[in-house]
Amino acid sequence: MIAVDMDGTFLDENGRYDIERFEKILEELEKREILFVVATGNQISRMRHIFGEQSDRLAYVVGNSSHVIVKNETKILKNLSEKQLEHLFAYYEHHFDDYHIVVSSPENSYMTKGAFSCDNLADKASLDYYNNSFPNVILLDNMSEMPQEAINKITMKVPMSAEEKVTNDFRREFPDLVPMASGFGALDVVLPNIDKAWGLKQIMTLFDISPDELMAFGDGDNDLAMLSLAYHSYAMENATERVKEAARFIAPANTKSGVFQVIETYLKEN
């Protein structure tokens, strides 16, 4: 099994990948019955948009690892409780705009019109990239307008100067949830003990796959558990030092298609 993070790992600096090159890799993996797993904090709706016709041939650990899917079949979906949502909505009532809070189900994402246009981040390009990472965004005048829907992901993006304080305040206020840095200054709200390693273990159990049969690639702190699980663990050249220390190997940067290079070399040599 091969598991990859997306932003900063599988995708290039423009949020894209070489479709034809991946098709050749995927065909060879399928011949060898090697499952390709996308492990990302993003929702399945974005992954279907990114992978298009290839999407049904992959497995996914998505939505902050709360949603496990194998070839278009949901195996596990864990949602935030109604009590947790009420607490979050009450506590952040006056910060939905300036914290750019996005509340998501597997198919839809909800945010206020103010959050979508708020310009208190480092630059407009950063805000645009963040907004565009949530397909099927539904803009509301107020979050109280949000329809009743099962929610498995909440994300916020605060100015860098406030990130540490917001994170510490969150830990004190919500002991039953975990704030996880997911890259590009975003914070994901994660259920305790639910991480990429947990999601991968669910798939590994289904297919009787051991850690020494797992290859994993990542670049951020939310990839640490996944890299610790996999024997063939690769930190991207562009990863943080903490991630590089956790991995056994270093892959070329995402800007150099490092994931593709490593997999192609493995397939050629084995």
Protein backbone atom coordinates (compact mmCIF):
# COMPACT_ATOMS: atom_id res chain seq x y z
CA MET A 1 0.00 0.00 0.00
CA ILE A 2 1.19 3.51 -0.80
CA ALA A 3 -0.20 6.51 1.12
CA VAL A 4 0.38 10.13 0.14
CA ASP A 5 -0.43 13.50 1.62
CA MET A 6 -1.63 16.01 -0.98
CA ASP A 7 -0.65 19.69 -0.55
CA GLY A 8 3.12 20.04 -0.38
CA THR A 9 3.58 16.33 -1.15
CA PHE A 10 1.73 14.80 -4.10
CA LEU A 11 0.57 18.09 -5.64
CA ASP A 12 3.03 20.59 -7.09
CA GLU A 13 3.37 24.25 -6.11
CA ASN A 14 0.31 25.07 -8.24
CA GLY A 15 -1.88 22.42 -6.63
CA ARG A 16 -1.69 20.12 -9.68
CA TYR A 17 -0.18 16.80 -10.74
CA ASP A 18 0.85 15.13 -14.01
CA ILE A 19 -2.26 13.09 -14.88
CA GLU A 20 -0.67 11.03 -17.66
CA ARG A 21 2.38 10.19 -15.58
CA PHE A 22 0.22 9.14 -12.64
CA GLU A 23 -1.96 7.01 -14.93
CA LYS A 24 1.10 4.94 -15.92
CA ILE A 25 2.07 4.54 -12.25
CA LEU A 26 -1.49 3.64 -11.25
CA GLU A 27 -1.80 1.00 -13.96
CA GLU A 28 1.42 -0.67 -12.77
CA LEU A 29 0.31 -0.53 -9.13
CA GLU A 30 -3.01 -2.14 -10.05
CA LYS A 31 -1.20 -4.96 -11.86
CA ARG A 32 0.73 -5.64 -8.66
CA GLU A 33 -2.35 -5.22 -6.43
CA ILE A 34 -0.76 -2.27 -4.61
CA LEU A 35 -3.45 0.05 -3.25
CA PHE A 36 -2.89 3.81 -3.65
CA VAL A 37 -4.29 5.79 -0.71
CA VAL A 38 -4.79 9.56 -0.55
CA ALA A 39 -4.38 10.72 3.07
CA THR A 40 -5.37 14.36 3.47
CA GLY A 41 -7.29 16.72 5.69
CA ASN A 42 -9.37 17.71 2.66
CA GLN A 43 -12.82 16.27 1.98
CA ILE A 44 -13.69 13.60 -0.56
CA SER A 45 -15.52 16.19 -2.68
CA ARG A 46 -12.23 17.99 -3.39
CA MET A 47 -10.42 14.73 -4.09
CA ARG A 48 -13.00 13.69 -6.67
CA HIS A 49 -12.58 17.08 -8.31
CA ILE A 50 -8.77 16.75 -8.37
CA PHE A 51 -8.53 13.13 -9.55
CA GLY A 52 -11.51 13.12 -11.92
CA GLU A 53 -11.85 9.81 -13.78
CA GLN A 54 -9.05 8.26 -11.72
CA SER A 55 -10.78 8.95 -8.40
CA ASP A 56 -12.81 5.71 -8.17
CA ARG A 57 -9.65 3.61 -8.43
CA LEU A 58 -8.13 5.03 -5.24
CA ALA A 59 -8.67 4.71 -1.49
CA TYR A 60 -8.94 7.73 0.82
CA VAL A 61 -8.35 8.78 4.40
CA VAL A 62 -9.95 12.24 4.24
CA GLY A 63 -11.81 14.84 6.30
CA ASN A 64 -9.20 14.92 9.07
CA SER A 65 -9.07 11.12 8.85
CA SER A 66 -12.72 10.84 9.90
CA HIS A 67 -13.77 9.46 6.50
CA VAL A 68 -12.29 6.23 5.14
CA ILE A 69 -13.23 5.28 1.58
CA VAL A 70 -12.04 2.41 -0.61
CA LYS A 71 -12.80 2.68 -4.33
CA ASN A 72 -15.90 4.82 -3.87
CA GLU A 73 -17.26 2.83 -0.90
CA THR A 74 -17.37 4.50 2.50
CA LYS A 75 -15.98 2.18 5.16
CA ILE A 76 -15.97 4.59 8.12
CA LEU A 77 -17.40 8.08 8.73
CA LYS A 78 -17.06 9.76 12.12
CA ASN A 79 -18.88 13.05 12.69
CA LEU A 80 -18.67 15.71 15.37
CA SER A 81 -21.47 15.40 17.90
CA GLU A 82 -24.31 17.90 18.09
CA LYS A 83 -23.01 18.99 21.51
CA GLN A 84 -19.51 19.62 20.15
CA LEU A 85 -20.90 21.67 17.27
CA GLU A 86 -23.09 23.77 19.55
CA HIS A 87 -20.09 24.48 21.78
CA LEU A 88 -17.92 25.48 18.82
CA PHE A 89 -20.59 27.70 17.30
CA ALA A 90 -21.18 29.49 20.60
CA TYR A 91 -17.50 29.98 21.41
CA TYR A 92 -16.54 31.29 17.95
CA GLU A 93 -19.77 33.19 17.32
CA HIS A 94 -17.90 36.47 16.75
CA HIS A 95 -14.93 34.98 14.90
CA PHE A 96 -16.40 33.14 11.93
CA ASP A 97 -15.22 35.95 9.65
CA ASP A 98 -11.73 36.81 10.92
CA TYR A 99 -10.78 33.18 11.63
CA HIS A 100 -12.06 32.12 8.18
CA ILE A 101 -13.96 29.21 9.76
CA VAL A 102 -15.25 26.54 7.38
CA VAL A 103 -17.74 23.88 8.56
CA SER A 104 -17.86 20.85 6.27
CA SER A 105 -19.72 17.65 5.54
CA PRO A 106 -18.17 15.20 3.04
CA GLU A 107 -20.03 16.95 0.19
CA ASN A 108 -20.58 20.59 1.24
CA SER A 109 -18.64 23.36 2.96
CA TYR A 110 -20.24 26.29 4.74
CA MET A 111 -18.67 29.64 5.52
CA THR A 112 -19.85 33.20 6.01
CA LYS A 113 -19.62 35.73 3.22
CA GLY A 114 -17.42 37.76 5.55
CA ALA A 115 -15.00 34.87 6.02
CA PHE A 116 -14.76 34.33 2.27
CA SER A 117 -13.73 37.94 1.64
CA CYS A 118 -11.88 38.83 4.87
CA ASP A 119 -8.42 40.16 3.97
CA ASN A 120 -6.58 39.88 7.30
CA LEU A 121 -4.23 37.13 6.10
CA ALA A 122 -0.74 37.68 4.70
CA ASP A 123 -1.87 38.23 1.12
CA LYS A 124 -4.83 37.77 -1.21
CA ALA A 125 -3.26 34.76 -2.93
CA SER A 126 -3.15 32.96 0.42
CA LEU A 127 -6.84 33.65 1.03
CA ASP A 128 -7.80 32.59 -2.50
CA TYR A 129 -5.88 29.31 -2.18
CA TYR A 130 -7.59 28.59 1.13
CA ASN A 131 -11.09 29.37 -0.18
CA ASN A 132 -10.53 27.31 -3.33
CA SER A 133 -9.49 24.24 -1.34
CA PHE A 134 -13.13 23.70 -0.32
CA PRO A 135 -15.33 22.57 -3.25
CA ASN A 136 -19.08 23.15 -3.05
CA VAL A 137 -18.73 26.16 -0.77
CA ILE A 138 -22.06 27.58 0.35
CA LEU A 139 -21.82 31.17 1.56
CA LEU A 140 -24.10 32.34 4.37
CA ASP A 141 -24.85 35.74 5.88
CA ASN A 142 -24.65 34.07 9.28
CA MET A 143 -23.70 30.55 10.35
CA SER A 144 -27.04 30.22 12.11
CA GLU A 145 -28.48 29.78 8.59
CA MET A 146 -26.56 26.52 8.09
CA PRO A 147 -28.91 23.58 7.45
CA GLN A 148 -28.91 20.49 9.65
CA GLU A 149 -26.18 18.26 8.27
CA ALA A 150 -23.70 15.71 9.62
CA ILE A 151 -20.38 17.53 10.03
CA ASN A 152 -17.03 15.74 10.06
CA LYS A 153 -14.62 18.64 9.59
CA ILE A 154 -14.03 22.19 10.81
CA THR A 155 -11.12 24.29 9.57
CA MET A 156 -9.93 27.77 10.48
CA LYS A 157 -7.14 29.95 9.19
CA VAL A 158 -5.97 32.69 11.51
CA PRO A 159 -3.25 35.31 11.00
CA MET A 160 0.18 33.88 11.85
CA SER A 161 0.55 36.35 14.72
CA ALA A 162 -2.53 34.88 16.43
CA GLU A 163 -2.04 31.18 15.63
CA GLU A 164 -0.31 30.19 18.89
CA LYS A 165 -2.85 32.00 21.10
CA VAL A 166 -5.83 30.62 19.20
CA THR A 167 -4.40 27.10 19.41
CA ASN A 168 -3.74 27.34 23.15
CA ASP A 169 -7.18 28.84 23.82
CA PHE A 170 -8.76 26.03 21.80
CA ARG A 171 -6.99 23.34 23.84
CA ARG A 172 -8.25 24.85 27.08
CA GLU A 173 -11.83 25.30 25.87
CA PHE A 174 -12.25 22.02 23.98
CA PRO A 175 -10.52 19.14 25.79
CA ASP A 176 -12.63 16.71 23.74
CA LEU A 177 -11.19 17.97 20.42
CA VAL A 178 -7.69 18.52 19.02
CA PRO A 179 -6.42 21.51 16.98
CA MET A 180 -4.07 20.20 14.28
CA ALA A 181 -1.87 22.35 12.06
CA SER A 182 -2.57 21.11 8.53
CA GLY A 183 -0.22 23.31 6.52
CA PHE A 184 -0.40 26.75 4.91
CA GLY A 185 -1.40 28.27 8.28
CA ALA A 186 -4.67 26.34 8.58
CA LEU A 187 -5.89 24.63 11.75
CA ASP A 188 -8.12 21.58 11.51
CA VAL A 189 -10.40 20.46 14.33
CA VAL A 190 -9.65 16.78 14.86
CA LEU A 191 -11.41 14.15 16.96
CA PRO A 192 -9.09 12.64 19.61
CA ASN A 193 -7.09 9.59 18.51
CA ILE A 194 -8.28 10.04 14.91
CA ASP A 195 -5.31 10.72 12.66
CA LYS A 196 -3.89 9.53 9.34
CA ALA A 197 -2.28 6.50 10.97
CA TRP A 198 -5.63 5.49 12.47
CA GLY A 199 -7.35 5.78 9.08
CA LEU A 200 -4.63 3.81 7.31
CA LYS A 201 -4.81 1.07 9.94
CA GLN A 202 -8.51 0.61 9.13
CA ILE A 203 -7.65 -0.06 5.48
CA MET A 204 -4.63 -2.19 6.39
CA THR A 205 -6.85 -4.40 8.55
CA LEU A 206 -9.33 -4.83 5.68
CA PHE A 207 -6.62 -6.03 3.30
CA ASP A 208 -4.26 -7.70 5.80
CA ILE A 209 -1.43 -5.24 5.10
CA SER A 210 1.45 -4.89 7.57
CA PRO A 211 3.47 -1.71 8.32
CA ASP A 212 6.47 -3.10 6.44
CA GLU A 213 4.23 -3.28 3.33
CA LEU A 214 3.32 0.41 3.63
CA MET A 215 5.08 3.29 1.84
CA ALA A 216 4.04 6.78 2.99
CA PHE A 217 4.91 10.34 1.94
CA GLY A 218 4.32 13.58 3.87
CA ASP A 219 5.59 17.08 4.58
CA GLY A 220 3.68 18.43 7.60
CA ASP A 221 3.08 17.71 11.27
CA ASN A 222 -0.26 16.05 10.53
CA ASP A 223 1.73 13.41 8.61
CA LEU A 224 3.90 12.40 11.59
CA ALA A 225 1.67 9.55 12.79
CA MET A 226 1.39 8.16 9.27
CA LEU A 227 5.16 8.27 8.76
CA SER A 228 5.74 6.59 12.12
CA LEU A 229 3.40 3.77 11.07
CA ALA A 230 5.04 3.04 7.70
CA TYR A 231 8.35 1.22 7.43
CA HIS A 232 8.97 2.88 4.04
CA SER A 233 8.43 6.44 5.29
CA TYR A 234 9.43 9.42 3.15
CA ALA A 235 9.60 13.06 4.18
CA MET A 236 9.56 15.45 1.27
CA GLU A 237 12.65 17.57 0.69
CA ASN A 238 10.43 20.57 1.41
CA ALA A 239 9.13 19.09 4.71
CA THR A 240 9.71 20.56 8.14
CA GLU A 241 12.76 19.40 10.09
CA ARG A 242 10.50 17.62 12.56
CA VAL A 243 8.97 15.56 9.74
CA LYS A 244 12.39 14.78 8.24
CA GLU A 245 13.57 13.48 11.61
CA ALA A 246 10.50 11.20 11.85
CA ALA A 247 10.94 9.62 8.40
CA ARG A 248 13.44 6.96 7.35
CA PHE A 249 14.01 8.45 3.91
CA ILE A 250 13.89 11.81 2.08
CA ALA A 251 12.04 12.20 -1.23
CA PRO A 252 12.72 15.02 -3.71
CA ALA A 253 10.50 18.07 -3.20
CA ASN A 254 6.90 18.21 -4.41
CA THR A 255 8.05 20.80 -6.98
CA LYS A 256 10.23 18.04 -8.49
CA SER A 257 7.46 15.38 -8.49
CA GLY A 258 9.29 13.62 -5.67
CA VAL A 259 6.49 11.13 -4.96
CA PHE A 260 6.44 10.05 -8.60
CA GLN A 261 10.23 9.70 -8.69
CA VAL A 262 10.37 7.43 -5.64
CA ILE A 263 7.46 5.21 -6.76
CA GLU A 264 8.82 4.90 -10.31
CA THR A 265 12.24 3.89 -8.97
CA TYR A 266 10.64 1.31 -6.66
CA LEU A 267 8.59 -0.18 -9.48
CA LYS A 268 11.64 -0.34 -11.75
CA GLU A 269 13.81 -2.06 -9.13
CA ASN A 270 11.22 -4.52 -7.77
